[in-house]
Protein backbone atom coordinates (compact mmCIF):
# COMPACT_ATOMS: atom_id res chain seq x y z
CA UNK A 1 0.08 -0.14 -0.06
CA UNK A 2 1.06 3.56 -0.70
CA UNK A 3 2.31 6.02 1.56
CA UNK A 4 -0.44 8.65 2.41
CA UNK A 5 0.20 12.35 0.56
CA UNK A 6 -1.16 15.04 3.11
CA UNK A 7 -1.97 18.90 1.30
CA UNK A 8 0.04 21.21 2.80
CA UNK A 9 -2.66 23.81 0.55
CA UNK A 10 -5.34 22.33 1.87
CA UNK A 11 -3.89 21.97 5.90
CA UNK A 12 -2.95 25.69 5.51
CA UNK A 13 -6.95 26.50 5.10
CA UNK A 14 -7.26 25.64 8.96
CA UNK A 15 -6.32 29.19 9.41
CA UNK A 16 -9.35 30.51 7.57
CA UNK A 17 -12.52 31.58 9.69
CA UNK A 18 -14.99 29.22 10.27
CA UNK A 19 -17.74 30.62 7.66
CA UNK A 20 -15.34 30.64 4.86
CA UNK A 21 -15.80 27.35 2.46
CA UNK A 22 -12.96 24.85 2.89
CA UNK A 23 -13.73 23.20 -0.15
CA UNK A 24 -16.09 22.44 -3.26
CA UNK A 25 -17.06 19.75 -4.59
CA UNK A 26 -16.43 21.46 -8.32
CA UNK A 27 -12.84 20.50 -9.75
CA UNK A 28 -11.62 22.16 -13.24
CA UNK A 29 -11.25 18.72 -15.56
CA UNK A 30 -9.63 18.65 -19.33
CA UNK A 31 -10.42 22.17 -21.54
CA UNK A 32 -11.51 23.92 -18.56
CA UNK A 33 -14.55 21.74 -18.11
CA UNK A 34 -16.29 21.72 -14.70
CA UNK A 35 -16.19 17.77 -13.13
CA UNK A 36 -17.38 16.70 -10.25
CA UNK A 37 -15.94 14.24 -7.56
CA UNK A 38 -17.25 11.53 -5.32
CA UNK A 39 -17.81 13.01 -2.17
CA UNK A 40 -18.84 11.71 1.17
CA UNK A 41 -19.36 14.11 4.30
CA UNK A 42 -19.95 12.86 7.73
CA UNK A 43 -22.31 15.73 8.89
CA UNK A 44 -22.06 16.85 13.01
CA UNK A 45 -25.47 16.35 13.97
CA UNK A 46 -24.10 15.83 18.19
CA UNK A 47 -24.38 11.95 18.58
CA UNK A 48 -27.07 11.29 15.71
CA UNK A 49 -26.52 10.32 12.51
CA UNK A 50 -26.14 12.25 8.63
CA UNK A 51 -24.07 11.06 5.83
CA UNK A 52 -24.09 12.74 2.69
CA UNK A 53 -22.99 10.96 -0.64
CA UNK A 54 -22.84 13.22 -4.24
CA UNK A 55 -22.05 11.26 -7.04
CA UNK A 56 -19.89 12.58 -10.01
CA UNK A 57 -23.12 13.20 -11.92
CA UNK A 58 -24.23 15.76 -9.26
CA UNK A 59 -26.60 12.88 -7.91
CA UNK A 60 -27.42 12.87 -3.81
CA UNK A 61 -27.89 10.57 -1.24
CA UNK A 62 -28.70 11.38 2.21
CA UNK A 63 -28.83 9.10 5.10
CA UNK A 64 -30.45 9.90 8.36
CA UNK A 65 -31.17 13.87 9.52
CA UNK A 66 -30.06 14.24 12.96
CA UNK A 67 -32.32 15.65 15.88
CA UNK A 68 -35.12 17.59 15.68
CA UNK A 69 -35.24 21.38 17.93
CA UNK A 70 -32.91 23.23 19.14
CA UNK A 71 -33.68 25.89 16.92
CA UNK A 72 -32.88 23.50 13.61
CA UNK A 73 -30.21 23.05 14.50
CA UNK A 74 -29.34 20.15 12.90
CA UNK A 75 -31.57 20.98 9.79
CA UNK A 76 -29.52 23.53 9.15
CA UNK A 77 -26.05 22.34 9.67
CA UNK A 78 -27.27 19.32 6.86
CA UNK A 79 -28.53 22.39 4.44
CA UNK A 80 -25.60 24.30 5.20
CA UNK A 81 -23.11 21.45 3.77
CA UNK A 82 -25.91 20.85 0.78
CA UNK A 83 -26.29 23.97 -0.36
CA UNK A 84 -22.61 25.24 0.28
CA UNK A 85 -20.30 22.43 0.27
CA UNK A 86 -21.62 20.33 -2.19
CA UNK A 87 -23.03 23.16 -4.44
CA UNK A 88 -26.25 21.37 -4.58
CA UNK A 89 -30.08 22.82 -4.72
CA UNK A 90 -32.07 19.41 -3.71
CA UNK A 91 -32.00 15.99 -2.61
CA UNK A 92 -32.36 13.37 -5.39
CA UNK A 93 -32.79 10.42 -1.80
CA UNK A 94 -33.09 10.60 1.66
CA UNK A 95 -32.63 7.15 3.40
CA UNK A 96 -33.91 6.90 7.05
CA UNK A 97 -31.73 4.25 8.36
CA UNK A 98 -34.69 3.78 11.17
CA UNK A 99 -37.16 5.53 13.50
CA UNK A 100 -35.27 6.92 16.56
CA UNK A 101 -35.01 10.76 17.04
CA UNK A 102 -31.30 10.99 16.38
CA UNK A 103 -31.66 9.39 13.31
CA UNK A 104 -34.96 11.06 11.83
CA UNK A 105 -35.78 13.97 14.07
CA UNK A 106 -34.65 16.34 11.49
CA UNK A 107 -36.20 15.59 8.61
CA UNK A 108 -39.45 17.34 8.91
CA UNK A 109 -37.18 20.55 9.55
CA UNK A 110 -35.24 19.59 6.65
CA UNK A 111 -37.87 18.63 4.19
CA UNK A 112 -39.43 23.14 4.92
CA UNK A 113 -35.02 24.02 3.52
CA UNK A 114 -34.38 21.39 0.94
CA UNK A 115 -36.47 19.92 -1.84
CA UNK A 116 -36.56 16.25 -1.79
CA UNK A 117 -37.29 13.88 -4.67
CA UNK A 118 -37.59 10.43 -2.85
CA UNK A 119 -38.04 9.38 0.73
CA UNK A 120 -36.78 5.16 1.72
CA UNK A 121 -37.09 3.39 4.35
CA UNK A 122 -36.98 -0.34 6.08
CA UNK A 123 -40.61 -0.10 6.44
CA UNK A 124 -43.29 0.69 9.05
CA UNK A 125 -42.18 1.33 12.70
CA UNK A 126 -42.23 -1.83 14.97
CA UNK A 127 -41.82 0.12 18.25
CA UNK A 128 -45.04 1.29 20.34
CA UNK A 129 -44.48 4.26 22.25
CA UNK A 130 -46.14 7.54 22.09
CA UNK A 131 -42.44 9.42 20.80
CA UNK A 132 -41.68 6.97 18.31
CA UNK A 133 -45.14 7.40 16.79
CA UNK A 134 -44.94 10.87 16.52
CA UNK A 135 -41.99 10.22 14.51
CA UNK A 136 -43.09 8.11 12.49
CA UNK A 137 -46.53 10.21 11.63
CA UNK A 138 -43.82 13.03 10.84
CA UNK A 139 -41.83 11.23 8.40
CA UNK A 140 -45.57 9.77 6.87
CA UNK A 141 -46.28 13.45 6.20
CA UNK A 142 -43.24 14.62 4.91
CA UNK A 143 -42.51 11.62 2.36
CA UNK A 144 -46.23 11.17 1.26
CA UNK A 145 -46.40 9.62 -2.39
CA UNK A 146 -42.68 10.20 -2.93
CA UNK A 147 -41.86 7.05 0.04
CA UNK A 148 -40.50 3.98 -0.78
CA UNK A 149 -39.43 0.91 0.94
CA UNK A 150 -36.67 -1.35 -0.05
CA UNK A 151 -35.32 -4.94 0.71
CA UNK A 152 -32.18 -6.07 0.58
CA UNK A 153 -30.30 -6.63 -2.63
CA UNK A 154 -32.43 -4.01 -4.38
CA UNK A 155 -30.26 -0.80 -5.61
CA UNK A 156 -31.00 3.15 -6.16
CA UNK A 157 -31.10 4.24 -9.44
CA UNK A 158 -27.93 6.10 -9.51
CA UNK A 159 -25.75 6.80 -12.61
CA UNK A 160 -21.99 5.64 -12.65
CA UNK A 161 -21.95 4.06 -8.89
CA UNK A 162 -23.82 1.52 -7.28
CA UNK A 163 -25.41 1.56 -3.65
CA UNK A 164 -27.32 -1.58 -3.03
CA UNK A 165 -29.26 -2.11 0.38
CA UNK A 166 -27.76 -4.92 2.13
CA UNK A 167 -29.89 -4.76 5.45
CA UNK A 168 -33.44 -3.54 6.05
CA UNK A 169 -36.28 -4.19 8.32
CA UNK A 170 -34.60 -7.15 10.06
CA UNK A 171 -33.01 -8.78 6.80
CA UNK A 172 -30.18 -8.72 5.40
CA UNK A 173 -28.27 -10.15 1.90
CA UNK A 174 -29.15 -13.67 0.90
CA UNK A 175 -26.30 -13.97 -1.74
CA UNK A 176 -22.41 -12.39 -1.64
CA UNK A 177 -21.87 -9.32 -3.49
CA UNK A 178 -18.35 -10.72 -3.84
CA UNK A 179 -16.70 -14.09 -3.52
CA UNK A 180 -17.82 -15.30 -0.04
CA UNK A 181 -14.96 -17.49 1.89
CA UNK A 182 -16.03 -19.09 5.11
CA UNK A 183 -15.13 -16.88 8.16
CA UNK A 184 -12.95 -18.96 10.43
CA UNK A 185 -13.39 -15.97 13.48
CA UNK A 186 -17.37 -16.54 13.69
CA UNK A 187 -16.32 -19.39 16.14
CA UNK A 188 -15.60 -16.98 18.72
CA UNK A 189 -18.88 -15.23 18.19
CA UNK A 190 -20.83 -15.04 21.37
CA UNK A 191 -25.20 -13.89 20.44
CA UNK A 192 -26.69 -11.09 22.13
CA UNK A 193 -30.83 -11.02 23.21
CA UNK A 194 -32.65 -10.25 20.43
CA UNK A 195 -33.31 -6.67 19.29
CA UNK A 196 -36.82 -6.49 18.12
CA UNK A 197 -36.90 -2.72 17.98
CA UNK A 198 -35.87 -0.21 15.65
CA UNK A 199 -31.61 -0.41 15.50
CA UNK A 200 -32.59 -3.93 14.56
CA UNK A 201 -34.89 -2.77 11.44
CA UNK A 202 -31.82 -0.39 10.20
CA UNK A 203 -31.07 0.16 6.62
CA UNK A 204 -27.53 -0.27 5.78
CA UNK A 205 -25.91 0.07 2.37
CA UNK A 206 -22.69 -0.77 0.49
CA UNK A 207 -21.70 2.35 -2.19
CA UNK A 208 -19.10 1.26 -4.78
CA UNK A 209 -17.53 3.42 -7.47
CA UNK A 210 -15.24 1.37 -9.74
CA UNK A 211 -12.92 -0.52 -7.14
CA UNK A 212 -13.80 1.26 -3.89
CA UNK A 213 -16.24 0.55 -1.49
CA UNK A 214 -18.01 2.49 1.44
CA UNK A 215 -20.20 0.47 3.86
CA UNK A 216 -22.59 2.22 6.19
CA UNK A 217 -25.15 -0.10 8.41
CA UNK A 218 -26.97 2.67 10.24
CA UNK A 219 -27.46 1.34 13.98
CA UNK A 220 -27.90 -2.63 12.67
CA UNK A 221 -27.39 -3.84 16.16
CA UNK A 222 -24.83 -7.05 17.04
CA UNK A 223 -27.22 -10.41 15.86
CA UNK A 224 -28.04 -8.85 12.78
CA UNK A 225 -24.40 -7.59 11.89
CA UNK A 226 -23.50 -11.36 12.09
CA UNK A 227 -25.80 -12.34 9.90
CA UNK A 228 -23.94 -10.20 7.29
CA UNK A 229 -20.58 -11.87 8.26
CA UNK A 230 -21.31 -16.05 9.49
CA UNK A 231 -20.73 -18.22 8.05
CA UNK A 232 -19.22 -16.49 5.22
CA UNK A 233 -18.77 -13.01 4.76
CA UNK A 234 -21.12 -11.38 2.51
CA UNK A 235 -19.69 -7.93 1.30
CA UNK A 236 -15.99 -8.55 0.73
CA UNK A 237 -13.61 -6.18 1.65
CA UNK A 238 -14.25 -2.33 1.42
CA UNK A 239 -11.82 0.67 1.50
CA UNK A 240 -14.11 2.85 3.71
CA UNK A 241 -15.94 1.93 7.33
CA UNK A 242 -18.35 3.90 8.74
CA UNK A 243 -18.49 2.54 12.53
CA UNK A 244 -22.15 1.53 13.17
CA UNK A 245 -24.18 2.63 16.12
CA UNK A 246 -22.07 5.47 16.77
CA UNK A 247 -19.45 3.50 18.37
CA UNK A 248 -22.10 3.24 21.12
CA UNK A 249 -20.94 0.28 24.10
CA UNK A 250 -18.97 -2.58 22.38
CA UNK A 251 -21.68 -2.60 19.19
CA UNK A 252 -19.03 -3.41 16.45
CA UNK A 253 -18.77 -6.67 16.03
CA UNK A 254 -15.31 -8.17 14.74
CA UNK A 255 -16.48 -10.69 12.93
CA UNK A 256 -18.09 -8.71 10.87
CA UNK A 257 -15.57 -5.67 10.52
CA UNK A 258 -11.86 -7.44 10.79
CA UNK A 259 -12.88 -9.40 7.64
CA UNK A 260 -14.11 -6.81 5.50
CA UNK A 261 -10.03 -5.07 6.41
CA UNK A 262 -10.83 -1.13 6.25
CA UNK A 263 -8.26 1.21 5.20
CA UNK A 264 -10.19 3.60 7.10
CA UNK A 265 -13.20 3.63 9.35
CA UNK A 266 -15.45 7.08 10.47
CA UNK A 267 -17.01 7.41 13.78
CA UNK A 268 -20.11 9.85 14.01
CA UNK A 269 -20.32 10.48 17.45
CA UNK A 270 -21.03 13.00 19.74
CA UNK A 271 -19.01 14.48 22.73
CA UNK A 272 -20.86 11.94 25.30
CA UNK A 273 -22.47 9.82 23.13
CA UNK A 274 -20.98 7.15 21.10
CA UNK A 275 -17.07 5.73 20.93
CA UNK A 276 -17.58 2.97 24.04
CA UNK A 277 -13.73 2.08 24.71
CA UNK A 278 -14.96 -1.30 23.74
CA UNK A 279 -15.99 -0.23 20.27
CA UNK A 280 -13.15 1.58 20.01
CA UNK A 281 -10.77 -1.08 20.53
CA UNK A 282 -12.64 -3.01 18.16
CA UNK A 283 -12.15 -0.80 15.40
CA UNK A 284 -8.38 0.42 16.03
CA UNK A 285 -7.60 -3.42 15.94
CA UNK A 286 -9.25 -4.13 12.60
CA UNK A 287 -6.81 -5.85 10.00
CA UNK A 288 -5.32 -3.14 7.98
CA UNK A 289 -6.62 -0.63 9.39
CA UNK A 290 -4.55 2.66 9.22
CA UNK A 291 -6.99 5.12 10.50
CA UNK A 292 -9.89 6.09 12.72
CA UNK A 293 -11.51 9.58 12.25
CA UNK A 294 -13.77 10.87 14.19
CA UNK A 295 -16.80 13.57 14.25
CA UNK A 296 -16.39 14.26 18.04
CA UNK A 297 -13.33 13.95 20.85
CA UNK A 298 -14.82 11.56 23.44
CA UNK A 299 -14.66 13.74 26.62
CA UNK A 300 -15.20 11.12 28.96
CA UNK A 301 -12.18 8.77 27.28
CA UNK A 302 -8.88 9.00 27.36
CA UNK A 303 -6.57 9.60 24.31
CA UNK A 304 -6.02 6.04 23.74
CA UNK A 305 -9.91 5.45 22.72
CA UNK A 306 -10.18 8.51 20.83
CA UNK A 307 -9.48 9.28 17.20
CA UNK A 308 -5.96 11.55 16.96
CA UNK A 309 -6.99 15.28 17.27
CA UNK A 310 -6.34 16.03 13.59
CA UNK A 311 -8.24 13.19 12.63
CA UNK A 312 -11.47 14.90 14.89
CA UNK A 313 -13.56 17.21 13.26
CA UNK A 314 -15.19 18.62 16.97
CA UNK A 315 -12.85 19.04 20.58
CA UNK A 316 -15.68 20.26 22.25
CA UNK A 317 -14.44 22.90 24.83
CA UNK A 318 -11.42 23.93 22.93
CA UNK A 319 -12.94 25.15 19.45
CA UNK A 320 -14.49 28.58 18.31
CA UNK A 321 -16.31 26.45 15.36
CA UNK A 322 -18.75 24.05 16.32
CA UNK A 323 -20.25 21.46 13.87
CA UNK A 324 -17.91 21.30 12.02
CA UNK A 325 -17.83 18.07 9.13
CA UNK A 326 -15.62 15.37 7.67
CA UNK A 327 -15.29 14.51 3.88
CA UNK A 328 -14.18 12.24 1.74
CA UNK A 329 -13.18 12.32 -2.21
CA UNK A 330 -12.36 9.92 -4.19
CA UNK A 331 -9.75 11.07 -7.07
CA UNK A 332 -9.66 9.37 -10.60
CA UNK A 333 -5.91 8.27 -9.85
CA UNK A 334 -7.40 5.64 -7.63
CA UNK A 335 -7.08 7.31 -4.14
CA UNK A 336 -9.44 9.20 -1.98
CA UNK A 337 -8.94 12.04 0.50
CA UNK A 338 -10.07 12.71 4.16
CA UNK A 339 -10.36 16.23 5.42
CA UNK A 340 -11.22 17.59 8.86
CA UNK A 341 -13.10 20.87 8.17
CA UNK A 342 -12.10 22.26 11.18
CA UNK A 343 -8.48 22.38 11.13
CA UNK A 344 -8.19 21.59 6.71
CA UNK A 345 -6.04 18.75 7.43
CA UNK A 346 -6.41 16.08 4.69
CA UNK A 347 -5.17 12.78 4.37
CA UNK A 348 -5.06 10.89 0.98
CA UNK A 349 -5.27 6.98 0.57
CA UNK A 350 -4.82 4.19 -1.88
CA UNK A 351 -8.18 2.19 -3.08
CA UNK A 352 -7.90 -1.32 -2.61
């Protein structure tokens, strides 16, 4: 694997004021033509989740919308990235991984700010409590006739890239997406009590662009992650891995993550939510992992259970710039670059 390359010009951008753009999704191609890159943004919604994909053809997929309230804080941050950083005027797809307040709470406010083409979900709500029912009803009202429920194996209509649903509503893929081999790590797996709630119904997808692969499983719980990995790894190897369930407690299944040998992991956590020490240790022990990036420094953890400062978007208590994001950009030369908008730090990795 080739060594990483740091960009001094991007690193120096960390000195700019918070309100200035650190990067744009547009680049100048041959003969002065404007071209797009494949970009993935992890947007800070304070321990919720929101991940935006922008394809080279300008199509967009947002998974999850953070929390409601706080003066529409999360919807505002998402809109800022959509319009100012990615240069978009609408979203083609909004995927709601599951109906919990930290993932679907911000949808109603976001739908008033940004036009949305299609709303994608795992199926009807499975939890019976007033808060969950109210959230689901808000989703149904926002989605209207543009609602689409998907099953594992289905794909979104994207040009030039492939996004395949790998988990939904307590079901996972029935066939491998690559050459599956027996997973010897499965022998050490210990099941947890069955999760009949929304986390266990979470959407998960695999994004492919050429040889580049990115996996986002939302909050998919322990036993369902195991089904994707045992007795054989159905997903093959990936380059980029979003840590499931914000890294809460021990919710990263080594039998599922380690055979995929991701080069980079990104944790969409909050200052005091997620980044459980056991989960962090599991991520850091993953074979072939070069780096863990994180949206927040975990205030309750020591340095050994945090991503390095330069790879952490938000340093609570020290930053004057809140709501910093992380972006991955796939380059045409077979590499991808992650950038921390707080300090402008950038690091480049090679596609497998």
